[in-house]
Structure formats: structure tokens, C-alpha cells
Amino acid sequence: MQTALRAAFSESELASRANFVPHARAAREERPVHTSGLPLSIRGLRKSFGDNEVLRGIDLHIPVGQFVAIVGKSGCGKSTLLRLIAGLEKIDAGSISFGDEVQAEDIRVMFQEPRLLPWARVLANVEVGLGRDRATSDAQLRAEKALAEVGLADKRDQWPSVLSGGQKQRVALARALVSRPRVLAFDEPLGALDALTRISMQRLLERVWRDQGFTAILVTHDVSEAVALADRVLVIEEGRIAHDVMVNASRPRERGSVELAGLEGSILSHLLSADDRT
């Protein structure tokens, strides 16, 4: 984990130090009952690939346990931001700080592809998420519990090849959850699923977030998914946060409601206007 990720400040110190996005508002009160997440402060974050400057100075504070969705057109830098938060890419300039000492198992990523090991059964695939704790005496029990949390306890001895796309993503989610992460980053995890399976998985993601209380960061192209799941939606445009929207709708969310449709329309309008300006 990068040195920049290890700075230890209290959440109040992080909030006072961070330069907030101009349009950011106060965090909503509704949170998971048991919050185990980490706060996140980003200051002056920049990242380039060759001559292409992907992120151009990101300033952001995410409170403990908040569910944040990041949207934007392809190439805007949203997945790069997620990978930097997860420590999968090296920072060029700026800093990413959490409010506590960070361990490797504290931050997990769930990708669009399940990335299951085809030669290992479902339970063994989940145990992989334990990392160095895989050798402990309770590893199997923890993996079984994670499978139960995603509704796949009866698939523990199956091979990945016989699972549906939705079931494979549930196994991938169980693998991410098994170490009880404090920050869980989702990089388009539902993009390849059919519409009904996607809605079912959205509900599952929301339930495990509420049950475990981790800080959630979701990258998605689907604006309706963003407003259905998140406390807060960030719109990335040309490597900067161009729009910061709080979603104050009560949970469970009523998909298709006037309130969510209005938020979705506002965000889509901003994205489309950005296209007109380029």
C-alpha cells in the first residue's frame, strides 16, 4: 500500500484539511447501523499516462460509511480514480489519506469480470479473498459465512464453469467481503449482467453495505444504478469533479419514483451538456 495512503488523521482533521468540491453538500445522516468503514480524503490528485493527463487535481472527502457512485463518459478518469484509491496505480501528485492505519485487507476491489479461478471450487475461490489469513483455522468457516451472505451457501462445492453470470458475480462479491473490508471499491461490477439479474445484484450490494458498514465507492456508466444505490453521485469530466449530487431519498429506494427520475435526469443532462461542449 502506498505511503500516501497511510497518513493517520482523525475524521474531523481530514474534513478540515480537505479542499471540498465547490458543489459538495453536507453528508446525509442515514448510515448503516454498524459502521466499520474508513473516511477518505483526496487532495490535489493527479495522474497521467504518457502525455495523457487523466486526473487533473481531484479534491474530495468521503465520510465513514458513505456510499459514493462515480459516473462520467468513457475516458473521463473514473476507473483511474478508483484504482488509485485501491492502491492499484501509483499517484503522480497529491495524496490519498484514510483516517486510520491501513492494512492490505482493509481495501478490496470487485471488478466487472468475476476473475474466478476455474480450477478451484466456489468455496476455495472465496477463501482466496482471505489472503495471508487463508491458512488460519477458521478460514473455511469465514468463507462459508461470506457465501451465505450472498445467498450461495448451496453452491460451495460447485465449479465456476457451471454457474450463471449472476452467480459468478455473487462469488466474486463473497470473495471481496470475506476479509471484512473497510473500503470496498466496485469497478462496473454489474455491467455484463442482464437487466433483472442486475437489479437483484444492486439490492444485494445495498444489503451487504448496510449490514457490514464499509465505505463503498462504485464506478458505473448507469446513472439510474448510481441514484438507486448511492448516498452521493460524483460526475467526472475531463479529469475533474464537475458535479457533486447528494441523493437524499429514503431507503429502500423506489426505482422509477419521481424523486429518483428527477435526479437521474439532472445528472444525464449535465453529462449530455458536457458532450455538447467538447
Protein backbone atom coordinates (compact mmCIF):
# COMPACT_ATOMS: atom_id res chain seq x y z
CA MET A 1 0.00 0.00 0.00
CA GLN A 2 1.36 3.40 -0.95
CA THR A 3 2.90 5.61 1.73
CA ALA A 4 0.39 8.33 0.85
CA LEU A 5 -2.40 6.02 1.90
CA ARG A 6 -1.03 5.54 5.41
CA ALA A 7 -1.37 9.06 6.79
CA ALA A 8 -3.35 8.80 10.01
CA PHE A 9 -5.66 11.68 10.84
CA SER A 10 -8.95 11.79 12.69
CA GLU A 11 -12.03 12.18 10.51
CA SER A 12 -12.54 15.74 11.80
CA GLU A 13 -8.95 16.62 10.84
CA LEU A 14 -9.44 15.13 7.40
CA ALA A 15 -12.61 17.14 6.87
CA SER A 16 -10.88 20.38 7.85
CA ARG A 17 -7.79 19.68 5.70
CA ALA A 18 -9.59 18.60 2.53
CA ASN A 19 -10.44 21.15 -0.18
CA PHE A 20 -14.00 20.25 -0.92
CA VAL A 21 -15.57 20.30 -4.37
CA PRO A 22 -17.48 23.59 -4.68
CA HIS A 23 -20.83 21.87 -5.16
CA ALA A 24 -20.44 19.37 -2.31
CA ARG A 25 -23.08 19.40 0.43
CA ALA A 26 -23.22 18.02 3.96
CA ALA A 27 -23.24 14.24 4.21
CA ARG A 28 -26.65 12.72 4.79
CA GLU A 29 -27.47 11.28 8.18
CA GLU A 30 -28.67 7.85 7.08
CA ARG A 31 -25.89 5.28 7.52
CA PRO A 32 -25.53 1.55 8.13
CA VAL A 33 -26.29 0.64 11.75
CA HIS A 34 -22.79 -0.76 12.37
CA THR A 35 -20.18 1.35 10.59
CA SER A 36 -16.73 -0.17 10.10
CA GLY A 37 -15.68 1.95 7.12
CA LEU A 38 -12.82 4.39 6.75
CA PRO A 39 -13.06 8.08 5.86
CA LEU A 40 -11.21 9.12 2.73
CA SER A 41 -9.54 12.44 1.91
CA ILE A 42 -8.07 13.22 -1.51
CA ARG A 43 -6.05 16.37 -2.15
CA GLY A 44 -4.64 17.63 -5.44
CA LEU A 45 -4.68 14.16 -7.02
CA ARG A 46 -3.12 13.96 -10.47
CA LYS A 47 -2.42 11.02 -12.75
CA SER A 48 -1.05 10.84 -16.29
CA PHE A 49 -0.35 8.03 -18.71
CA GLY A 50 2.36 9.32 -21.01
CA ASP A 51 1.19 12.67 -22.38
CA ASN A 52 -2.43 11.99 -21.44
CA GLU A 53 -3.33 13.72 -18.15
CA VAL A 54 -6.26 11.63 -16.91
CA LEU A 55 -6.83 13.23 -13.49
CA ARG A 56 -6.19 16.95 -13.15
CA GLY A 57 -6.38 17.80 -9.49
CA ILE A 58 -9.06 15.91 -7.58
CA ASP A 59 -10.07 17.25 -4.14
CA LEU A 60 -12.59 15.11 -2.26
CA HIS A 61 -13.65 13.99 1.20
CA ILE A 62 -15.77 10.87 1.75
CA PRO A 63 -17.10 10.34 5.30
CA VAL A 64 -17.07 7.00 7.09
CA GLY A 65 -19.56 4.51 5.65
CA GLN A 66 -20.81 6.68 2.79
CA PHE A 67 -21.88 5.02 -0.48
CA VAL A 68 -20.46 7.08 -3.36
CA ALA A 69 -21.10 6.47 -7.06
CA ILE A 70 -18.82 7.89 -9.77
CA VAL A 71 -20.19 8.44 -13.27
CA GLY A 72 -18.89 10.04 -16.45
CA LYS A 73 -18.31 9.29 -20.10
CA SER A 74 -15.67 6.79 -21.18
CA GLY A 75 -12.12 8.02 -20.67
CA CYS A 76 -13.03 10.68 -18.10
CA GLY A 77 -10.82 9.13 -15.40
CA LYS A 78 -13.37 7.47 -13.10
CA SER A 79 -11.80 4.00 -13.17
CA THR A 80 -8.34 5.52 -12.77
CA LEU A 81 -9.55 7.34 -9.65
CA LEU A 82 -10.90 4.07 -8.27
CA ARG A 83 -7.64 2.23 -8.95
CA LEU A 84 -5.63 4.95 -7.24
CA ILE A 85 -7.86 4.75 -4.17
CA ALA A 86 -7.37 0.98 -4.11
CA GLY A 87 -3.60 1.31 -4.47
CA LEU A 88 -3.55 -0.43 -7.86
CA GLU A 89 -1.91 2.54 -9.60
CA LYS A 90 0.85 4.91 -8.48
CA ILE A 91 -0.02 8.52 -7.69
CA ASP A 92 1.80 11.17 -9.76
CA ALA A 93 0.95 14.10 -7.47
CA GLY A 94 -1.30 14.83 -4.49
CA SER A 95 -2.35 12.45 -1.74
CA ILE A 96 -4.95 9.89 -0.70
CA SER A 97 -5.37 9.56 3.05
CA PHE A 98 -7.51 7.37 5.29
CA GLY A 99 -8.41 8.14 8.87
CA ASP A 100 -6.56 5.15 10.29
CA GLU A 101 -3.58 2.88 9.61
CA VAL A 102 -4.47 0.89 6.50
CA GLN A 103 -3.91 -2.85 6.17
CA ALA A 104 -3.96 -4.67 2.83
CA GLU A 105 -7.23 -6.42 3.69
CA ASP A 106 -8.95 -3.12 4.54
CA ILE A 107 -9.44 -2.22 0.88
CA ARG A 108 -10.94 -4.60 -1.65
CA VAL A 109 -11.98 -4.24 -5.30
CA MET A 110 -14.75 -6.00 -7.19
CA PHE A 111 -14.31 -5.86 -10.99
CA GLN A 112 -16.70 -6.27 -13.90
CA GLU A 113 -15.22 -9.72 -14.62
CA PRO A 114 -15.61 -12.22 -11.74
CA ARG A 115 -12.00 -13.39 -12.22
CA LEU A 116 -12.69 -16.73 -10.56
CA LEU A 117 -10.07 -19.49 -10.60
CA PRO A 118 -11.51 -22.15 -12.95
CA TRP A 119 -9.54 -24.97 -11.28
CA ALA A 120 -10.90 -24.19 -7.79
CA ARG A 121 -14.37 -24.85 -6.41
CA VAL A 122 -16.57 -22.00 -5.24
CA LEU A 123 -15.60 -22.19 -1.56
CA ALA A 124 -11.89 -22.21 -2.40
CA ASN A 125 -12.38 -19.18 -4.66
CA VAL A 126 -13.91 -17.28 -1.75
CA GLU A 127 -11.06 -18.31 0.58
CA VAL A 128 -8.62 -16.62 -1.84
CA GLY A 129 -10.02 -13.30 -0.57
CA LEU A 130 -8.54 -14.00 2.86
CA GLY A 131 -5.00 -13.57 1.57
CA ARG A 132 -2.48 -14.50 4.26
CA ASP A 133 -5.33 -15.50 6.61
CA ARG A 134 -6.22 -18.35 4.28
CA ALA A 135 -4.01 -20.63 6.38
CA THR A 136 -5.86 -19.89 9.63
CA SER A 137 -8.06 -22.49 11.29
CA ASP A 138 -11.28 -20.51 10.72
CA ALA A 139 -10.68 -19.71 7.04
CA GLN A 140 -13.24 -22.21 5.75
CA LEU A 141 -15.85 -21.05 8.25
CA ARG A 142 -15.34 -17.42 7.23
CA ALA A 143 -15.65 -18.34 3.55
CA GLU A 144 -18.85 -20.29 4.23
CA LYS A 145 -20.31 -17.31 6.06
CA ALA A 146 -19.46 -14.98 3.17
CA LEU A 147 -21.14 -17.36 0.72
CA ALA A 148 -24.23 -17.42 2.92
CA GLU A 149 -24.29 -13.61 2.93
CA VAL A 150 -24.62 -13.58 -0.85
CA GLY A 151 -27.13 -16.45 -0.95
CA LEU A 152 -24.85 -19.13 -2.39
CA ALA A 153 -24.24 -21.45 0.56
CA ASP A 154 -25.56 -24.37 -1.51
CA LYS A 155 -23.01 -23.74 -4.29
CA ARG A 156 -19.88 -24.16 -2.16
CA ASP A 157 -18.73 -27.34 -3.92
CA GLN A 158 -19.61 -26.28 -7.48
CA TRP A 159 -17.09 -25.44 -10.21
CA PRO A 160 -17.23 -21.86 -11.57
CA SER A 161 -17.96 -23.16 -15.07
CA VAL A 162 -21.46 -24.35 -14.10
CA LEU A 163 -22.53 -21.05 -12.53
CA SER A 164 -24.60 -18.35 -14.22
CA GLY A 165 -23.16 -14.87 -14.74
CA GLY A 166 -25.02 -13.52 -11.74
CA GLN A 167 -23.88 -16.40 -9.53
CA LYS A 168 -20.26 -15.84 -10.57
CA GLN A 169 -20.53 -12.19 -9.55
CA ARG A 170 -22.01 -13.24 -6.21
CA VAL A 171 -18.98 -15.47 -5.64
CA ALA A 172 -16.73 -12.54 -6.55
CA LEU A 173 -18.64 -10.38 -4.05
CA ALA A 174 -18.26 -13.05 -1.34
CA ARG A 175 -14.52 -13.17 -2.06
CA ALA A 176 -14.36 -9.38 -1.60
CA LEU A 177 -16.43 -9.49 1.60
CA VAL A 178 -14.73 -12.41 3.33
CA SER A 179 -11.93 -10.28 4.80
CA ARG A 180 -14.45 -7.74 6.14
CA PRO A 181 -13.01 -4.77 4.20
CA ARG A 182 -13.40 -1.21 5.47
CA VAL A 183 -13.45 0.22 1.94
CA LEU A 184 -14.99 -1.72 -0.95
CA ALA A 185 -14.47 -0.36 -4.46
CA PHE A 186 -16.72 -1.56 -7.29
CA ASP A 187 -15.48 -1.10 -10.88
CA GLU A 188 -18.53 -1.63 -13.12
CA PRO A 189 -19.30 -4.95 -11.37
CA LEU A 190 -22.77 -5.36 -12.88
CA GLY A 191 -22.12 -4.12 -16.40
CA ALA A 192 -22.24 -7.54 -18.08
CA LEU A 193 -25.44 -8.77 -16.38
CA ASP A 194 -28.95 -8.87 -17.82
CA ALA A 195 -31.46 -6.30 -16.54
CA LEU A 196 -33.26 -8.48 -13.97
CA THR A 197 -30.07 -10.03 -12.60
CA ARG A 198 -28.58 -6.55 -12.38
CA ILE A 199 -31.45 -5.26 -10.24
CA SER A 200 -31.15 -8.30 -7.97
CA MET A 201 -27.40 -7.68 -7.58
CA GLN A 202 -27.98 -3.99 -6.88
CA ARG A 203 -30.24 -4.94 -3.99
CA LEU A 204 -27.63 -7.39 -2.73
CA LEU A 205 -24.88 -4.75 -2.84
CA GLU A 206 -27.06 -2.35 -0.88
CA ARG A 207 -27.90 -5.01 1.72
CA VAL A 208 -24.32 -6.09 2.39
CA TRP A 209 -23.24 -2.43 2.59
CA ARG A 210 -25.89 -1.76 5.22
CA ASP A 211 -25.05 -4.97 7.09
CA GLN A 212 -21.27 -4.51 7.15
CA GLY A 213 -20.94 -0.72 7.20
CA PHE A 214 -17.95 -0.38 4.87
CA THR A 215 -17.29 2.76 2.81
CA ALA A 216 -18.46 1.97 -0.74
CA ILE A 217 -17.19 3.52 -3.97
CA LEU A 218 -18.96 2.45 -7.17
CA VAL A 219 -17.87 3.29 -10.72
CA THR A 220 -20.73 2.84 -13.17
CA HIS A 221 -21.95 4.02 -16.58
CA ASP A 222 -25.54 3.50 -15.43
CA VAL A 223 -26.90 6.73 -13.91
CA SER A 224 -30.09 5.02 -12.73
CA GLU A 225 -27.93 2.48 -10.86
CA ALA A 226 -25.96 5.32 -9.29
CA VAL A 227 -29.01 7.13 -7.90
CA ALA A 228 -30.63 3.85 -6.80
CA LEU A 229 -27.62 2.81 -4.70
CA ALA A 230 -25.58 5.82 -3.67
CA ASP A 231 -25.76 8.48 -0.97
CA ARG A 232 -23.81 10.73 -3.30
CA VAL A 233 -23.08 10.82 -7.05
CA LEU A 234 -19.90 12.39 -8.45
CA VAL A 235 -19.73 13.33 -12.12
CA ILE A 236 -16.18 13.25 -13.52
CA GLU A 237 -15.49 15.46 -16.53
CA GLU A 238 -12.09 15.89 -18.15
CA GLY A 239 -10.28 14.60 -15.10
CA ARG A 240 -12.07 16.79 -12.57
CA ILE A 241 -15.17 16.51 -10.37
CA ALA A 242 -17.66 18.64 -12.26
CA HIS A 243 -20.83 17.83 -10.31
CA ASP A 244 -21.48 16.52 -6.78
CA VAL A 245 -25.04 15.43 -6.02
CA MET A 246 -26.43 14.21 -2.70
CA VAL A 247 -29.15 11.54 -3.00
CA ASN A 248 -31.38 12.08 0.00
CA ALA A 249 -34.11 9.61 -0.98
CA SER A 250 -35.01 7.22 1.84
CA ARG A 251 -34.11 3.54 1.67
CA PRO A 252 -35.16 1.12 0.34
CA ARG A 253 -35.33 3.20 -2.83
CA GLU A 254 -38.37 3.04 -5.07
CA ARG A 255 -36.98 2.59 -8.58
CA GLY A 256 -38.81 4.69 -11.12
CA SER A 257 -40.03 7.17 -8.50
CA VAL A 258 -40.41 10.83 -9.44
CA GLU A 259 -37.64 11.78 -7.00
CA LEU A 260 -35.05 9.38 -8.43
CA ALA A 261 -36.13 10.12 -12.01
CA GLY A 262 -35.56 13.83 -11.39
CA LEU A 263 -32.06 13.22 -10.03
CA GLU A 264 -31.23 10.88 -12.89
CA GLY A 265 -32.48 13.42 -15.43
CA SER A 266 -30.39 16.20 -13.86
CA ILE A 267 -27.21 14.12 -13.96
CA LEU A 268 -27.84 12.90 -17.52
CA SER A 269 -28.48 16.49 -18.61
CA HIS A 270 -25.11 17.50 -17.19
CA LEU A 271 -23.37 14.61 -18.95
CA LEU A 272 -25.04 15.42 -22.28
CA SER A 273 -24.22 19.12 -21.98
CA ALA A 274 -20.60 18.13 -21.38
CA ASP A 275 -20.67 16.24 -24.69
CA ASP A 276 -22.02 19.35 -26.44
CA ARG A 277 -19.10 21.39 -25.09
CA THR A 278 -16.47 19.01 -26.48
